[in-house]
Amino acid sequence: MIKDLEFIQFFAAKLFHDLAGTLGAVGSAIEFVNSDDPEIRSKALELMELSSNQANDKLRFLRYAYGISKYSGDADLSTLRDVCLLLGKDKKINIEFLSPGSLTNEKSMNVVTGQLILCLAALAKSALIHGGTVKVLWEDKGKNSIIVNATGHNIKQQTEAHNIINGTSDATVNPSNIHAYYIKRIIDSRNIKIAIKMDKETVSYIIDSKTA
C-alpha cells in the first residue's frame, strides 16, 4: 500500500505536469515581448494572453477537483457546472452539463461528490483522443443515478484506470495513474458505488447517488 507521503509526491508531480505547458508558453512569450519587430511583439502578447487564460482555467479546475473545500455541505451546482465546462475549452471537446435547476434534499450531493464528478469528467475526456462529447447528467427513473458519459470515435481504452477504480488492479502508482487512484480514494472514503460501461465509442461512469 502506498504511503500518504508518496501519494502526495506523485500527485504533486501530476499537478506540475498539468500546468507546465501553459506556464512554459507564457515564459517563452515573455522573451519576445521586447522584440524590435512589432509583428513578433503582437504575437508574443497574444500567446501570453492565451496561455495565461489557459493556466488560470486549469488552476481553477485543479483547485476545485483536488483541493480541500472551504466549506462542507451540499455542492453548488452552478459552480460545479462552470468548472466542468472548463474542460470544453479544448476545441475538439464538447461538454454538456445537464443538471436539474436544483436538487431536492433526498437527491442533494455533497462537495466531495462534486469533486468526484469533475474527476470522472476529466478521465472521460482523456479517452477522447479524436475529440467528442462529455456529458454529465442526472437520471431519475427511480435510480437517481449521476452519469458521466463520453462519446467519440475509437476512444482510448482506459483498462488500467478502470481496474484501479474497481479495486482490481495492483499497478504501481505513478504520475500517469495517480488520478485514478485519487478517484478510488474518494469512492472508498464515502463508500460510493460506481458502475463502468465501455465500448469502442462510449465510456460511462454511473454513480449511485444513494451512496453519494
Protein backbone atom coordinates (compact mmCIF):
# COMPACT_ATOMS: atom_id res chain seq x y z
CA MET A 1 0.00 0.00 0.00
CA ILE A 2 1.37 3.38 -0.99
CA LYS A 3 2.19 5.70 1.88
CA ASP A 4 0.46 9.06 2.15
CA LEU A 5 3.73 10.91 1.58
CA GLU A 6 4.36 9.03 -1.66
CA PHE A 7 0.77 9.65 -2.75
CA ILE A 8 1.22 13.39 -2.23
CA GLN A 9 4.52 13.38 -4.10
CA PHE A 10 3.06 11.56 -7.11
CA PHE A 11 0.06 13.88 -7.04
CA ALA A 12 2.31 16.94 -6.94
CA ALA A 13 4.20 15.61 -9.97
CA LYS A 14 0.91 15.32 -11.88
CA LEU A 15 -0.15 18.86 -10.99
CA PHE A 16 3.22 20.28 -12.03
CA HIS A 17 2.94 18.41 -15.34
CA ASP A 18 -0.60 19.70 -15.97
CA LEU A 19 0.47 23.32 -15.52
CA ALA A 20 3.94 23.12 -17.07
CA GLY A 21 2.86 23.52 -20.69
CA THR A 22 0.81 26.69 -20.33
CA LEU A 23 3.20 28.34 -17.88
CA GLY A 24 6.12 27.43 -20.14
CA ALA A 25 4.34 29.09 -23.06
CA VAL A 26 3.96 32.29 -21.04
CA GLY A 27 7.68 32.23 -20.26
CA SER A 28 8.55 31.71 -23.92
CA ALA A 29 6.33 34.61 -24.99
CA ILE A 30 7.91 36.97 -22.48
CA GLU A 31 11.25 36.57 -24.26
CA PHE A 32 9.78 38.18 -27.39
CA VAL A 33 7.71 40.98 -25.84
CA ASN A 34 10.54 43.47 -26.23
CA SER A 35 11.36 42.46 -29.80
CA ASP A 36 12.03 45.26 -32.29
CA ASP A 37 9.64 43.56 -34.71
CA PRO A 38 6.06 44.79 -34.00
CA GLU A 39 4.55 41.63 -35.50
CA ILE A 40 6.60 39.41 -33.19
CA ARG A 41 5.63 41.58 -30.21
CA SER A 42 1.96 41.31 -31.15
CA LYS A 43 2.11 37.53 -31.49
CA ALA A 44 4.00 37.26 -28.19
CA LEU A 45 1.31 39.26 -26.38
CA GLU A 46 -1.43 37.12 -27.94
CA LEU A 47 0.37 33.97 -26.80
CA MET A 48 0.81 35.37 -23.31
CA GLU A 49 -2.89 36.21 -23.03
CA LEU A 50 -3.99 32.83 -24.40
CA SER A 51 -1.59 30.83 -22.23
CA SER A 52 -2.29 32.80 -19.06
CA ASN A 53 -6.04 32.27 -19.54
CA GLN A 54 -5.47 28.55 -20.07
CA ALA A 55 -3.32 28.39 -16.94
CA ASN A 56 -6.00 30.17 -14.90
CA ASP A 57 -8.66 27.77 -16.20
CA LYS A 58 -6.54 24.74 -15.37
CA LEU A 59 -5.73 26.12 -11.93
CA ARG A 60 -9.41 26.73 -11.18
CA PHE A 61 -10.30 23.19 -12.24
CA LEU A 62 -7.44 21.63 -10.28
CA ARG A 63 -8.27 23.66 -7.17
CA TYR A 64 -11.92 22.60 -7.21
CA ALA A 65 -11.32 18.95 -8.16
CA TYR A 66 -8.34 18.27 -5.91
CA GLY A 67 -8.27 20.95 -3.23
CA ILE A 68 -9.95 20.78 0.14
CA SER A 69 -13.27 22.61 0.16
CA LYS A 70 -13.66 25.83 2.10
CA TYR A 71 -16.98 24.57 3.39
CA SER A 72 -18.83 21.33 4.00
CA GLY A 73 -22.37 20.51 2.95
CA ASP A 74 -24.09 20.40 -0.41
CA ALA A 75 -22.27 21.13 -3.64
CA ASP A 76 -23.12 24.29 -5.54
CA LEU A 77 -24.48 23.04 -8.88
CA SER A 78 -23.87 26.35 -10.64
CA THR A 79 -20.20 26.45 -9.65
CA LEU A 80 -19.79 22.75 -10.41
CA ARG A 81 -21.21 23.28 -13.88
CA ASP A 82 -18.95 26.29 -14.56
CA VAL A 83 -15.84 24.39 -13.52
CA CYS A 84 -16.82 21.31 -15.50
CA LEU A 85 -17.32 23.42 -18.64
CA LEU A 86 -13.66 24.48 -18.40
CA LEU A 87 -12.83 21.03 -19.79
CA GLY A 88 -14.52 22.11 -23.01
CA LYS A 89 -12.04 24.88 -23.74
CA ASP A 90 -10.31 22.27 -25.92
CA LYS A 91 -11.81 22.85 -29.39
CA LYS A 92 -12.11 19.10 -30.02
CA ILE A 93 -14.20 18.52 -26.90
CA ASN A 94 -17.81 19.45 -26.28
CA ILE A 95 -19.07 19.49 -22.68
CA GLU A 96 -22.73 19.16 -21.76
CA PHE A 97 -23.66 19.56 -18.10
CA LEU A 98 -27.32 18.58 -17.96
CA SER A 99 -28.13 19.09 -14.32
CA PRO A 100 -31.51 19.93 -12.87
CA GLY A 101 -32.01 23.53 -11.80
CA SER A 102 -31.84 22.36 -8.20
CA LEU A 103 -31.79 19.16 -6.22
CA THR A 104 -34.31 18.08 -3.62
CA ASN A 105 -32.99 17.21 -0.18
CA GLU A 106 -33.08 13.47 -0.84
CA LYS A 107 -31.10 13.95 -4.07
CA SER A 108 -28.67 16.61 -2.90
CA MET A 109 -24.96 15.81 -3.08
CA ASN A 110 -22.03 16.98 -1.03
CA VAL A 111 -18.93 18.76 -2.26
CA VAL A 112 -16.91 15.53 -2.32
CA THR A 113 -19.36 14.01 -4.79
CA GLY A 114 -19.00 17.18 -6.83
CA GLN A 115 -15.24 16.64 -6.91
CA LEU A 116 -15.81 13.03 -7.98
CA ILE A 117 -17.98 14.19 -10.90
CA LEU A 118 -15.24 16.56 -12.07
CA CYS A 119 -12.57 13.89 -11.80
CA LEU A 120 -14.67 11.40 -13.74
CA ALA A 121 -15.38 14.05 -16.39
CA ALA A 122 -11.63 14.66 -16.74
CA LEU A 123 -10.99 10.92 -17.00
CA ALA A 124 -13.74 10.59 -19.61
CA LYS A 125 -12.27 13.48 -21.59
CA SER A 126 -8.85 11.81 -21.63
CA ALA A 127 -10.39 8.87 -23.52
CA LEU A 128 -11.47 11.14 -26.40
CA ILE A 129 -8.20 11.11 -28.31
CA HIS A 130 -10.01 12.07 -31.54
CA GLY A 131 -12.41 14.50 -29.92
CA GLY A 132 -16.02 14.03 -28.91
CA THR A 133 -18.56 14.91 -26.24
CA VAL A 134 -18.57 14.58 -22.46
CA LYS A 135 -21.95 14.67 -20.75
CA VAL A 136 -22.86 14.95 -17.10
CA LEU A 137 -26.49 14.16 -16.42
CA TRP A 138 -28.89 13.13 -13.70
CA GLU A 139 -31.02 10.06 -14.41
CA ASP A 140 -34.21 9.64 -12.43
CA LYS A 141 -36.50 6.72 -13.27
CA GLY A 142 -36.25 5.50 -9.69
CA LYS A 143 -32.47 5.04 -9.89
CA ASN A 144 -31.35 8.58 -9.11
CA SER A 145 -28.04 7.95 -10.88
CA ILE A 146 -25.46 10.57 -11.84
CA ILE A 147 -23.91 9.68 -15.17
CA VAL A 148 -20.65 10.95 -16.63
CA ASN A 149 -20.51 9.87 -20.25
CA ALA A 150 -18.00 10.36 -23.07
CA THR A 151 -18.72 9.60 -26.72
CA GLY A 152 -16.31 9.77 -29.63
CA HIS A 153 -14.68 7.84 -32.45
CA ASN A 154 -12.42 4.96 -31.43
CA ILE A 155 -11.96 6.14 -27.85
CA LYS A 156 -8.97 5.16 -25.74
CA GLN A 157 -9.45 2.03 -23.67
CA GLN A 158 -8.86 3.01 -20.03
CA THR A 159 -8.31 -0.52 -18.73
CA GLU A 160 -5.73 0.28 -16.05
CA ALA A 161 -7.64 3.29 -14.71
CA HIS A 162 -10.87 1.31 -14.58
CA ASN A 163 -9.21 -1.59 -12.78
CA ILE A 164 -7.82 0.84 -10.23
CA ILE A 165 -11.24 2.39 -9.67
CA ASN A 166 -12.83 -1.05 -9.37
CA GLY A 167 -10.16 -2.15 -6.90
CA THR A 168 -8.90 -4.98 -9.11
CA SER A 169 -5.50 -3.53 -10.00
CA ASP A 170 -2.12 -3.89 -8.33
CA ALA A 171 -0.47 -1.43 -10.73
CA THR A 172 2.38 0.59 -9.28
CA VAL A 173 1.35 4.16 -8.57
CA ASN A 174 2.88 6.76 -10.89
CA PRO A 175 2.01 10.27 -12.13
CA SER A 176 0.10 8.79 -15.07
CA ASN A 177 -2.36 6.77 -12.99
CA ILE A 178 -2.47 8.85 -9.79
CA HIS A 179 -5.71 10.47 -11.00
CA ALA A 180 -7.42 7.06 -10.99
CA TYR A 181 -6.03 6.30 -7.54
CA TYR A 182 -7.39 9.64 -6.32
CA ILE A 183 -10.83 8.72 -7.66
CA LYS A 184 -10.55 5.39 -5.88
CA ARG A 185 -9.76 7.14 -2.60
CA ILE A 186 -12.79 9.40 -2.95
CA ILE A 187 -15.00 6.39 -3.62
CA ASP A 188 -13.63 4.44 -0.67
CA SER A 189 -13.81 7.40 1.69
CA ARG A 190 -17.59 7.61 1.27
CA ASN A 191 -18.40 4.04 0.16
CA ILE A 192 -19.72 5.35 -3.14
CA LYS A 193 -20.79 2.77 -5.72
CA ILE A 194 -19.80 3.31 -9.35
CA ALA A 195 -20.53 1.19 -12.41
CA ILE A 196 -18.35 1.48 -15.52
CA LYS A 197 -19.55 0.65 -19.03
CA MET A 198 -17.36 0.95 -22.10
CA ASP A 199 -17.29 0.09 -25.80
CA LYS A 200 -15.43 1.42 -28.83
CA GLU A 201 -17.40 4.65 -28.97
CA THR A 202 -18.58 5.31 -25.41
CA VAL A 203 -17.49 5.18 -21.80
CA SER A 204 -19.95 5.78 -18.96
CA TYR A 205 -19.38 6.20 -15.24
CA ILE A 206 -22.62 5.69 -13.35
CA ILE A 207 -22.65 6.96 -9.78
CA ASP A 208 -25.26 5.54 -7.44
CA SER A 209 -26.40 8.83 -5.92
CA LYS A 210 -27.97 6.98 -3.00
CA THR A 211 -24.44 6.13 -1.85
CA ALA A 212 -23.03 9.55 -2.76
